């Protein structure tokens, strides 16, 4: 989530358990992500912030979906949505520190 003062907070990482090819809406998920190292999580966080800034989401929630190759740890952006789409209770409950949009 991002506010008009460019404060950004990552609310939650959600990991799909099913392999690529299973639609994310049909996939079993866990939160927070379980298989990322701290370094990988921070890298995905940095990528997410750069993406929402580049796309121009000035205020509000977004979700960015990545694929991480389990063999070589290569990261690919799957999609970015300028909205929140899963677990709205988590988004609302954990975003109280952001300024209003």
PDB file of N, CA and C in Angstrom:
ATOM      1  N   UNK A   1       0.845  -1.162   0.000  1.00  0.00           N
ATOM      2  CA  UNK A   1       0.000   0.000   0.000  1.00  0.00           C
ATOM      3  C   UNK A   1       0.894   1.229   0.000  1.00  0.00           C
ATOM      4  N   UNK A   2       0.409   2.268  -0.657  1.00  0.00           N
ATOM      5  CA  UNK A   2       1.172   3.512  -0.773  1.00  0.00           C
ATOM      6  C   UNK A   2       0.241   4.684  -0.510  1.00  0.00           C
ATOM      7  N   UNK A   3       0.740   5.686   0.177  1.00  0.00           N
ATOM      8  CA  UNK A   3      -0.069   6.879   0.389  1.00  0.00           C
ATOM      9  C   UNK A   3       0.505   8.050  -0.404  1.00  0.00           C
ATOM     10  N   UNK A   4      -0.158   9.192  -0.337  1.00  0.00           N
ATOM     11  CA  UNK A   4       0.235  10.353  -1.131  1.00  0.00           C
ATOM     12  C   UNK A   4       1.591  10.925  -0.739  1.00  0.00           C
ATOM     13  N   UNK A   5       2.067  10.602   0.464  1.00  0.00           N
ATOM     14  CA  UNK A   5       3.394  11.060   0.903  1.00  0.00           C
ATOM     15  C   UNK A   5       4.484  10.061   0.524  1.00  0.00           C
ATOM     16  N   UNK A   6       4.145   9.070  -0.271  1.00  0.00           N
ATOM     17  CA  UNK A   6       5.055   8.020  -0.739  1.00  0.00           C
ATOM     18  C   UNK A   6       5.530   7.097   0.384  1.00  0.00           C
ATOM     19  N   UNK A   7       4.738   7.001   1.451  1.00  0.00           N
ATOM     20  CA  UNK A   7       4.989   5.970   2.448  1.00  0.00           C
ATOM     21  C   UNK A   7       4.476   4.666   1.855  1.00  0.00           C
ATOM     22  N   UNK A   8       5.280   3.628   1.932  1.00  0.00           N
ATOM     23  CA  UNK A   8       4.909   2.339   1.355  1.00  0.00           C
ATOM     24  C   UNK A   8       5.056   1.275   2.426  1.00  0.00           C
ATOM     25  N   UNK A   9       4.086   0.394   2.500  1.00  0.00           N
ATOM     26  CA  UNK A   9       4.158  -0.723   3.425  1.00  0.00           C
ATOM     27  C   UNK A   9       3.727  -1.986   2.687  1.00  0.00           C
ATOM     28  N   UNK A  10       4.473  -3.049   2.892  1.00  0.00           N
ATOM     29  CA  UNK A  10       4.093  -4.347   2.354  1.00  0.00           C
ATOM     30  C   UNK A  10       3.249  -5.009   3.429  1.00  0.00           C
ATOM     31  N   UNK A  11       2.001  -5.264   3.117  1.00  0.00           N
ATOM     32  CA  UNK A  11       1.072  -5.790   4.113  1.00  0.00           C
ATOM     33  C   UNK A  11       1.341  -7.260   4.394  1.00  0.00           C
ATOM     34  N   UNK A  12       1.503  -8.019   3.339  1.00  0.00           N
ATOM     35  CA  UNK A  12       1.601  -9.450   3.544  1.00  0.00           C
ATOM     36  C   UNK A  12       2.184 -10.112   2.299  1.00  0.00           C
ATOM     37  N   UNK A  13       3.018 -11.104   2.508  1.00  0.00           N
ATOM     38  CA  UNK A  13       3.449 -11.935   1.394  1.00  0.00           C
ATOM     39  C   UNK A  13       2.587 -13.189   1.420  1.00  0.00           C
ATOM     40  N   UNK A  14       2.092 -13.557   0.274  1.00  0.00           N
ATOM     41  CA  UNK A  14       1.253 -14.750   0.152  1.00  0.00           C
ATOM     42  C   UNK A  14       1.914 -15.663  -0.863  1.00  0.00           C
ATOM     43  N   UNK A  15       2.090 -16.918  -0.501  1.00  0.00           N
ATOM     44  CA  UNK A  15       2.772 -17.855  -1.375  1.00  0.00           C
ATOM     45  C   UNK A  15       1.809 -18.927  -1.874  1.00  0.00           C
ATOM     46  N   UNK A  16       1.829 -19.134  -3.190  1.00  0.00           N
ATOM     47  CA  UNK A  16       1.049 -20.222  -3.774  1.00  0.00           C
ATOM     48  C   UNK A  16       1.825 -21.515  -3.572  1.00  0.00           C
ATOM     49  N   UNK A  17       1.161 -22.532  -3.080  1.00  0.00           N
ATOM     50  CA  UNK A  17       1.788 -23.830  -2.860  1.00  0.00           C
ATOM     51  C   UNK A  17       1.851 -24.625  -4.164  1.00  0.00           C
ATOM     52  N   UNK A  18       0.831 -24.472  -4.999  1.00  0.00           N
ATOM     53  CA  UNK A  18       0.783 -25.205  -6.264  1.00  0.00           C
ATOM     54  C   UNK A  18       1.820 -24.665  -7.241  1.00  0.00           C
ATOM     55  N   UNK A  19       2.305 -25.494  -8.151  1.00  0.00           N
ATOM     56  CA  UNK A  19       3.305 -25.049  -9.132  1.00  0.00           C
ATOM     57  C   UNK A  19       2.692 -24.121 -10.174  1.00  0.00           C
ATOM     58  N   UNK A  20       3.549 -23.456 -10.942  1.00  0.00           N
ATOM     59  CA  UNK A  20       3.087 -22.628 -12.059  1.00  0.00           C
ATOM     60  C   UNK A  20       2.178 -23.461 -12.945  1.00  0.00           C
ATOM     61  N   UNK A  21       1.178 -22.822 -13.490  1.00  0.00           N
ATOM     62  CA  UNK A  21       0.220 -23.513 -14.346  1.00  0.00           C
ATOM     63  C   UNK A  21      -1.129 -23.652 -13.672  1.00  0.00           C
ATOM     64  N   UNK A  22      -1.157 -23.609 -12.343  1.00  0.00           N
ATOM     65  CA  UNK A  22      -2.412 -23.600 -11.613  1.00  0.00           C
ATOM     66  C   UNK A  22      -2.774 -22.140 -11.396  1.00  0.00           C
ATOM     67  N   UNK A  23      -3.970 -21.737 -11.831  1.00  0.00           N
ATOM     68  CA  UNK A  23      -4.388 -20.342 -11.687  1.00  0.00           C
ATOM     69  C   UNK A  23      -4.304 -19.928 -10.223  1.00  0.00           C
ATOM     70  N   UNK A  24      -3.781 -18.742  -9.972  1.00  0.00           N
ATOM     71  CA  UNK A  24      -3.578 -18.307  -8.587  1.00  0.00           C
ATOM     72  C   UNK A  24      -4.885 -18.280  -7.798  1.00  0.00           C
ATOM     73  N   UNK A  25      -6.003 -18.043  -8.469  1.00  0.00           N
ATOM     74  CA  UNK A  25      -7.288 -18.051  -7.776  1.00  0.00           C
ATOM     75  C   UNK A  25      -7.717 -19.437  -7.345  1.00  0.00           C
ATOM     76  N   UNK A  26      -7.150 -20.453  -7.970  1.00  0.00           N
ATOM     77  CA  UNK A  26      -7.482 -21.842  -7.644  1.00  0.00           C
ATOM     78  C   UNK A  26      -6.414 -22.509  -6.782  1.00  0.00           C
ATOM     79  N   UNK A  27      -5.338 -21.812  -6.516  1.00  0.00           N
ATOM     80  CA  UNK A  27      -4.186 -22.390  -5.826  1.00  0.00           C
ATOM     81  C   UNK A  27      -4.335 -22.283  -4.309  1.00  0.00           C
ATOM     82  N   UNK A  28      -3.792 -23.263  -3.627  1.00  0.00           N
ATOM     83  CA  UNK A  28      -3.709 -23.197  -2.173  1.00  0.00           C
ATOM     84  C   UNK A  28      -2.604 -22.195  -1.832  1.00  0.00           C
ATOM     85  N   UNK A  29      -2.879 -21.322  -0.882  1.00  0.00           N
ATOM     86  CA  UNK A  29      -1.900 -20.304  -0.506  1.00  0.00           C
ATOM     87  C   UNK A  29      -1.629 -20.339   0.988  1.00  0.00           C
ATOM     88  N   UNK A  30      -0.471 -19.812   1.359  1.00  0.00           N
ATOM     89  CA  UNK A  30      -0.119 -19.621   2.761  1.00  0.00           C
ATOM     90  C   UNK A  30       0.391 -18.197   2.933  1.00  0.00           C
ATOM     91  N   UNK A  31       0.166 -17.654   4.107  1.00  0.00           N
ATOM     92  CA  UNK A  31       0.652 -16.313   4.415  1.00  0.00           C
ATOM     93  C   UNK A  31       1.213 -16.331   5.832  1.00  0.00           C
ATOM     94  N   UNK A  32       2.402 -15.825   6.007  1.00  0.00           N
ATOM     95  CA  UNK A  32       3.310 -15.267   5.008  1.00  0.00           C
ATOM     96  C   UNK A  32       3.997 -16.366   4.202  1.00  0.00           C
ATOM     97  N   UNK A  33       4.724 -15.938   3.175  1.00  0.00           N
ATOM     98  CA  UNK A  33       5.469 -16.872   2.327  1.00  0.00           C
ATOM     99  C   UNK A  33       6.407 -17.709   3.191  1.00  0.00           C
ATOM    100  N   UNK A  34       6.551 -18.980   2.836  1.00  0.00           N
ATOM    101  CA  UNK A  34       7.317 -19.912   3.659  1.00  0.00           C
ATOM    102  C   UNK A  34       8.680 -20.289   3.093  1.00  0.00           C
ATOM    103  N   UNK A  35       8.895 -20.141   1.781  1.00  0.00           N
ATOM    104  CA  UNK A  35      10.120 -20.682   1.186  1.00  0.00           C
ATOM    105  C   UNK A  35      11.131 -19.624   0.756  1.00  0.00           C
ATOM    106  N   UNK A  36      10.842 -18.358   1.000  1.00  0.00           N
ATOM    107  CA  UNK A  36      11.777 -17.296   0.626  1.00  0.00           C
ATOM    108  C   UNK A  36      12.793 -17.060   1.737  1.00  0.00           C
ATOM    109  N   UNK A  37      14.032 -16.818   1.339  1.00  0.00           N
ATOM    110  CA  UNK A  37      15.016 -16.357   2.319  1.00  0.00           C
ATOM    111  C   UNK A  37      14.707 -14.890   2.619  1.00  0.00           C
ATOM    112  N   UNK A  38      15.289 -14.366   3.679  1.00  0.00           N
ATOM    113  CA  UNK A  38      15.084 -12.953   3.989  1.00  0.00           C
ATOM    114  C   UNK A  38      15.592 -12.078   2.854  1.00  0.00           C
ATOM    115  N   UNK A  39      16.721 -12.444   2.276  1.00  0.00           N
ATOM    116  CA  UNK A  39      17.292 -11.667   1.164  1.00  0.00           C
ATOM    117  C   UNK A  39      16.338 -11.662  -0.035  1.00  0.00           C
ATOM    118  N   UNK A  40      15.745 -12.819  -0.345  1.00  0.00           N
ATOM    119  CA  UNK A  40      14.784 -12.885  -1.459  1.00  0.00           C
ATOM    120  C   UNK A  40      13.541 -12.058  -1.156  1.00  0.00           C
ATOM    121  N   UNK A  41      13.046 -12.156   0.079  1.00  0.00           N
ATOM    122  CA  UNK A  41      11.869 -11.374   0.461  1.00  0.00           C
ATOM    123  C   UNK A  41      12.146  -9.880   0.292  1.00  0.00           C
ATOM    124  N   UNK A  42      13.298  -9.424   0.751  1.00  0.00           N
ATOM    125  CA  UNK A  42      13.640  -8.004   0.631  1.00  0.00           C
ATOM    126  C   UNK A  42      13.774  -7.591  -0.830  1.00  0.00           C
ATOM    127  N   UNK A  43      14.323  -8.472  -1.658  1.00  0.00           N
ATOM    128  CA  UNK A  43      14.449  -8.176  -3.085  1.00  0.00           C
ATOM    129  C   UNK A  43      13.062  -8.054  -3.727  1.00  0.00           C
ATOM    130  N   UNK A  44      12.134  -8.952  -3.406  1.00  0.00           N
ATOM    131  CA  UNK A  44      10.779  -8.873  -3.946  1.00  0.00           C
ATOM    132  C   UNK A  44      10.059  -7.625  -3.429  1.00  0.00           C
ATOM    133  N   UNK A  45      10.321  -7.267  -2.182  1.00  0.00           N
ATOM    134  CA  UNK A  45       9.754  -6.040  -1.619  1.00  0.00           C
ATOM    135  C   UNK A  45      10.233  -4.832  -2.416  1.00  0.00           C
ATOM    136  N   UNK A  46      11.531  -4.755  -2.656  1.00  0.00           N
ATOM    137  CA  UNK A  46      12.090  -3.631  -3.411  1.00  0.00           C
ATOM    138  C   UNK A  46      11.531  -3.587  -4.832  1.00  0.00           C
ATOM    139  N   UNK A  47      11.426  -4.758  -5.471  1.00  0.00           N
ATOM    140  CA  UNK A  47      10.845  -4.819  -6.819  1.00  0.00           C
ATOM    141  C   UNK A  47       9.402  -4.313  -6.796  1.00  0.00           C
ATOM    142  N   UNK A  48       8.632  -4.741  -5.802  1.00  0.00           N
ATOM    143  CA  UNK A  48       7.227  -4.347  -5.721  1.00  0.00           C
ATOM    144  C   UNK A  48       7.070  -2.840  -5.591  1.00  0.00           C
ATOM    145  N   UNK A  49       7.877  -2.243  -4.739  1.00  0.00           N
ATOM    146  CA  UNK A  49       7.803  -0.791  -4.546  1.00  0.00           C
ATOM    147  C   UNK A  49       8.183  -0.067  -5.831  1.00  0.00           C
ATOM    148  N   UNK A  50       9.228  -0.522  -6.490  1.00  0.00           N
ATOM    149  CA  UNK A  50       9.639   0.103  -7.760  1.00  0.00           C
ATOM    150  C   UNK A  50       8.537  -0.025  -8.815  1.00  0.00           C
ATOM    151  N   UNK A  51       7.882  -1.169  -8.852  1.00  0.00           N
ATOM    152  CA  UNK A  51       6.824  -1.398  -9.844  1.00  0.00           C
ATOM    153  C   UNK A  51       5.634  -0.480  -9.598  1.00  0.00           C
ATOM    154  N   UNK A  52       5.167  -0.370  -8.342  1.00  0.00           N
ATOM    155  CA  UNK A  52       3.992   0.476  -8.118  1.00  0.00           C
ATOM    156  C   UNK A  52       4.320   1.946  -8.367  1.00  0.00           C
ATOM    157  N   UNK A  53       5.534   2.349  -8.102  1.00  0.00           N
ATOM    158  CA  UNK A  53       5.932   3.727  -8.417  1.00  0.00           C
ATOM    159  C   UNK A  53       5.983   3.940  -9.933  1.00  0.00           C
ATOM    160  N   UNK A  54       6.569   2.994 -10.659  1.00  0.00           N
ATOM    161  CA  UNK A  54       6.686   3.123 -12.113  1.00  0.00           C
ATOM    162  C   UNK A  54       5.322   3.100 -12.800  1.00  0.00           C
ATOM    163  N   UNK A  55       4.430   2.249 -12.339  1.00  0.00           N
ATOM    164  CA  UNK A  55       3.087   2.163 -12.921  1.00  0.00           C
ATOM    165  C   UNK A  55       2.300   3.437 -12.608  1.00  0.00           C
ATOM    166  N   UNK A  56       2.585   4.049 -11.466  1.00  0.00           N
ATOM    167  CA  UNK A  56       1.919   5.296 -11.124  1.00  0.00           C
ATOM    168  C   UNK A  56       0.806   5.152 -10.100  1.00  0.00           C
ATOM    169  N   UNK A  57       0.841   4.100  -9.309  1.00  0.00           N
ATOM    170  CA  UNK A  57      -0.141   3.957  -8.232  1.00  0.00           C
ATOM    171  C   UNK A  57       0.253   4.949  -7.149  1.00  0.00           C
ATOM    172  N   UNK A  58      -0.450   6.060  -7.097  1.00  0.00           N
ATOM    173  CA  UNK A  58      -0.082   7.121  -6.160  1.00  0.00           C
ATOM    174  C   UNK A  58      -0.621   6.881  -4.766  1.00  0.00           C
ATOM    175  N   UNK A  59      -1.714   6.139  -4.667  1.00  0.00           N
ATOM    176  CA  UNK A  59      -2.336   5.950  -3.370  1.00  0.00           C
ATOM    177  C   UNK A  59      -3.213   4.714  -3.405  1.00  0.00           C
ATOM    178  N   UNK A  60      -3.063   3.872  -2.409  1.00  0.00           N
ATOM    179  CA  UNK A  60      -3.910   2.690  -2.303  1.00  0.00           C
ATOM    180  C   UNK A  60      -3.121   1.405  -2.413  1.00  0.00           C
ATOM    181  N   UNK A  61      -3.866   0.336  -2.502  1.00  0.00           N
ATOM    182  CA  UNK A  61      -3.260  -0.980  -2.508  1.00  0.00           C
ATOM    183  C   UNK A  61      -3.006  -1.513  -3.901  1.00  0.00           C
ATOM    184  N   UNK A  62      -2.073  -2.417  -3.982  1.00  0.00           N
ATOM    185  CA  UNK A  62      -1.742  -3.111  -5.226  1.00  0.00           C
ATOM    186  C   UNK A  62      -1.289  -4.505  -4.856  1.00  0.00           C
ATOM    187  N   UNK A  63      -1.298  -5.387  -5.847  1.00  0.00           N
ATOM    188  CA  UNK A  63      -0.626  -6.664  -5.617  1.00  0.00           C
ATOM    189  C   UNK A  63       0.278  -6.940  -6.798  1.00  0.00           C
ATOM    190  N   UNK A  64       1.427  -7.472  -6.483  1.00  0.00           N
ATOM    191  CA  UNK A  64       2.417  -7.816  -7.494  1.00  0.00           C
ATOM    192  C   UNK A  64       2.701  -9.299  -7.315  1.00  0.00           C
ATOM    193  N   UNK A  65       2.586 -10.052  -8.403  1.00  0.00           N
ATOM    194  CA  UNK A  65       2.819 -11.492  -8.332  1.00  0.00           C
ATOM    195  C   UNK A  65       4.126 -11.839  -9.035  1.00  0.00           C
ATOM    196  N   UNK A  66       4.926 -12.617  -8.344  1.00  0.00           N
ATOM    197  CA  UNK A  66       6.219 -13.041  -8.853  1.00  0.00           C
ATOM    198  C   UNK A  66       6.261 -14.562  -8.943  1.00  0.00           C
ATOM    199  N   UNK A  67       7.143 -15.055  -9.777  1.00  0.00           N
ATOM    200  CA  UNK A  67       7.503 -16.471  -9.783  1.00  0.00           C
ATOM    201  C   UNK A  67       8.982 -16.534  -9.462  1.00  0.00           C
ATOM    202  N   UNK A  68       9.346 -17.420  -8.543  1.00  0.00           N
ATOM    203  CA  UNK A  68      10.750 -17.628  -8.187  1.00  0.00           C
ATOM    204  C   UNK A  68      11.094 -19.065  -8.565  1.00  0.00           C
ATOM    205  N   UNK A  69      12.049 -19.197  -9.453  1.00  0.00           N
ATOM    206  CA  UNK A  69      12.487 -20.522  -9.883  1.00  0.00           C
ATOM    207  C   UNK A  69      13.149 -21.222  -8.700  1.00  0.00           C
ATOM    208  N   UNK A  70      12.646 -22.397  -8.307  1.00  0.00           N
ATOM    209  CA  UNK A  70      13.214 -23.063  -7.134  1.00  0.00           C
ATOM    210  C   UNK A  70      14.633 -23.597  -7.345  1.00  0.00           C
ATOM    211  N   UNK A  71      15.071 -23.690  -8.586  1.00  0.00           N
ATOM    212  CA  UNK A  71      16.408 -24.213  -8.867  1.00  0.00           C
ATOM    213  C   UNK A  71      17.458 -23.111  -8.830  1.00  0.00           C
ATOM    214  N   UNK A  72      17.257 -22.059  -9.643  1.00  0.00           N
ATOM    215  CA  UNK A  72      18.277 -21.002  -9.718  1.00  0.00           C
ATOM    216  C   UNK A  72      17.848 -19.700  -9.042  1.00  0.00           C
ATOM    217  N   UNK A  73      16.631 -19.665  -8.478  1.00  0.00           N
ATOM    218  CA  UNK A  73      16.084 -18.521  -7.728  1.00  0.00           C
ATOM    219  C   UNK A  73      15.858 -17.288  -8.607  1.00  0.00           C
ATOM    220  N   UNK A  74      15.816 -17.482  -9.936  1.00  0.00           N
ATOM    221  CA  UNK A  74      15.490 -16.384 -10.847  1.00  0.00           C
ATOM    222  C   UNK A  74      14.084 -15.892 -10.538  1.00  0.00           C
ATOM    223  N   UNK A  75      13.899 -14.569 -10.578  1.00  0.00           N
ATOM    224  CA  UNK A  75      12.608 -13.952 -10.293  1.00  0.00           C
ATOM    225  C   UNK A  75      12.002 -13.420 -11.583  1.00  0.00           C
ATOM    226  N   UNK A  76      10.727 -13.701 -11.766  1.00  0.00           N
ATOM    227  CA  UNK A  76       9.989 -13.148 -12.906  1.00  0.00           C
ATOM    228  C   UNK A  76       8.713 -12.502 -12.383  1.00  0.00           C
ATOM    229  N   UNK A  77       8.353 -11.354 -12.948  1.00  0.00           N
ATOM    230  CA  UNK A  77       7.089 -10.717 -12.605  1.00  0.00           C
ATOM    231  C   UNK A  77       6.000 -11.401 -13.427  1.00  0.00           C
ATOM    232  N   UNK A  78       4.990 -11.899 -12.758  1.00  0.00           N
ATOM    233  CA  UNK A  78       3.861 -12.552 -13.420  1.00  0.00           C
ATOM    234  C   UNK A  78       2.816 -11.508 -13.795  1.00  0.00           C
ATOM    235  N   UNK A  79       2.426 -10.684 -12.834  1.00  0.00           N
ATOM    236  CA  UNK A  79       1.458  -9.618 -13.095  1.00  0.00           C
ATOM    237  C   UNK A  79       1.466  -8.618 -11.951  1.00  0.00           C
ATOM    238  N   UNK A  80       0.908  -7.453 -12.242  1.00  0.00           N
ATOM    239  CA  UNK A  80       0.732  -6.416 -11.235  1.00  0.00           C
ATOM    240  C   UNK A  80      -0.693  -5.904 -11.377  1.00  0.00           C
ATOM    241  N   UNK A  81      -1.397  -5.829 -10.267  1.00  0.00           N
ATOM    242  CA  UNK A  81      -2.768  -5.311 -10.262  1.00  0.00           C
ATOM    243  C   UNK A  81      -2.838  -4.113  -9.320  1.00  0.00           C
ATOM    244  N   UNK A  82      -3.320  -2.983  -9.814  1.00  0.00           N
ATOM    245  CA  UNK A  82      -3.415  -1.801  -8.947  1.00  0.00           C
ATOM    246  C   UNK A  82      -4.646  -1.864  -8.037  1.00  0.00           C
ATOM    247  N   UNK A  83      -4.752  -2.971  -7.331  1.00  0.00           N
ATOM    248  CA  UNK A  83      -5.831  -3.211  -6.377  1.00  0.00           C
ATOM    249  C   UNK A  83      -5.394  -4.368  -5.490  1.00  0.00           C
ATOM    250  N   UNK A  84      -6.078  -4.545  -4.375  1.00  0.00           N
ATOM    251  CA  UNK A  84      -5.828  -5.731  -3.553  1.00  0.00           C
ATOM    252  C   UNK A  84      -6.849  -6.784  -3.959  1.00  0.00           C
ATOM    253  N   UNK A  85      -6.448  -8.052  -3.909  1.00  0.00           N
ATOM    254  CA  UNK A  85      -7.361  -9.068  -4.401  1.00  0.00           C
ATOM    255  C   UNK A  85      -7.566 -10.246  -3.468  1.00  0.00           C
ATOM    256  N   UNK A  86      -6.713 -10.431  -2.482  1.00  0.00           N
ATOM    257  CA  UNK A  86      -6.874 -11.558  -1.558  1.00  0.00           C
ATOM    258  C   UNK A  86      -6.841 -11.059  -0.126  1.00  0.00           C
ATOM    259  N   UNK A  87      -7.596 -11.706   0.714  1.00  0.00           N
ATOM    260  CA  UNK A  87      -7.574 -11.467   2.138  1.00  0.00           C
ATOM    261  C   UNK A  87      -7.720  -9.986   2.505  1.00  0.00           C
ATOM    262  N   UNK A  88      -8.847  -9.353   2.136  1.00  0.00           N
ATOM    263  CA  UNK A  88      -9.000  -7.924   2.432  1.00  0.00           C
ATOM    264  C   UNK A  88      -8.916  -7.612   3.918  1.00  0.00           C
ATOM    265  N   UNK A  89      -9.262  -8.545   4.777  1.00  0.00           N
ATOM    266  CA  UNK A  89      -9.133  -8.306   6.213  1.00  0.00           C
ATOM    267  C   UNK A  89      -7.703  -8.062   6.626  1.00  0.00           C
ATOM    268  N   UNK A  90      -6.774  -8.798   6.056  1.00  0.00           N
ATOM    269  CA  UNK A  90      -5.352  -8.579   6.341  1.00  0.00           C
ATOM    270  C   UNK A  90      -4.916  -7.210   5.860  1.00  0.00           C
ATOM    271  N   UNK A  91      -5.377  -6.822   4.680  1.00  0.00           N
ATOM    272  CA  UNK A  91      -4.971  -5.535   4.119  1.00  0.00           C
ATOM    273  C   UNK A  91      -5.466  -4.389   4.993  1.00  0.00           C
ATOM    274  N   UNK A  92      -6.716  -4.455   5.399  1.00  0.00           N
ATOM    275  CA  UNK A  92      -7.290  -3.363   6.178  1.00  0.00           C
ATOM    276  C   UNK A  92      -6.706  -3.318   7.585  1.00  0.00           C
ATOM    277  N   UNK A  93      -6.580  -4.450   8.195  1.00  0.00           N
ATOM    278  CA  UNK A  93      -6.110  -4.513   9.570  1.00  0.00           C
ATOM    279  C   UNK A  93      -4.662  -4.057   9.710  1.00  0.00           C
ATOM    280  N   UNK A  94      -3.843  -4.318   8.725  1.00  0.00           N
ATOM    281  CA  UNK A  94      -2.418  -4.028   8.831  1.00  0.00           C
ATOM    282  C   UNK A  94      -1.992  -2.743   8.141  1.00  0.00           C
ATOM    283  N   UNK A  95      -2.916  -1.927   7.711  1.00  0.00           N
ATOM    284  CA  UNK A  95      -2.544  -0.723   6.968  1.00  0.00           C
ATOM    285  C   UNK A  95      -2.907   0.556   7.709  1.00  0.00           C
ATOM    286  N   UNK A  96      -3.091   0.483   8.989  1.00  0.00           N
ATOM    287  CA  UNK A  96      -3.539   1.645   9.743  1.00  0.00           C
ATOM    288  C   UNK A  96      -2.481   2.741   9.853  1.00  0.00           C
ATOM    289  N   UNK A  97      -1.212   2.438   9.618  1.00  0.00           N
ATOM    290  CA  UNK A  97      -0.159   3.426   9.757  1.00  0.00           C
ATOM    291  C   UNK A  97      -0.020   4.350   8.562  1.00  0.00           C
ATOM    292  N   UNK A  98      -0.649   4.015   7.448  1.00  0.00           N
ATOM    293  CA  UNK A  98      -0.536   4.872   6.273  1.00  0.00           C
ATOM    294  C   UNK A  98      -1.450   6.084   6.410  1.00  0.00           C
ATOM    295  N   UNK A  99      -0.999   7.192   5.844  1.00  0.00           N
ATOM    296  CA  UNK A  99      -1.850   8.376   5.796  1.00  0.00           C
ATOM    297  C   UNK A  99      -3.024   8.107   4.869  1.00  0.00           C
ATOM    298  N   UNK A 100      -4.074   8.859   5.038  1.00  0.00           N
ATOM    299  CA  UNK A 100      -5.221   8.692   4.155  1.00  0.00           C
ATOM    300  C   UNK A 100      -4.866   9.133   2.740  1.00  0.00           C
ATOM    301  N   UNK A 101      -5.507   8.494   1.773  1.00  0.00           N
ATOM    302  CA  UNK A 101      -5.263   8.821   0.371  1.00  0.00           C
ATOM    303  C   UNK A 101      -6.002  10.079  -0.020  1.00  0.00           C
TER     304      UNK A 101
END
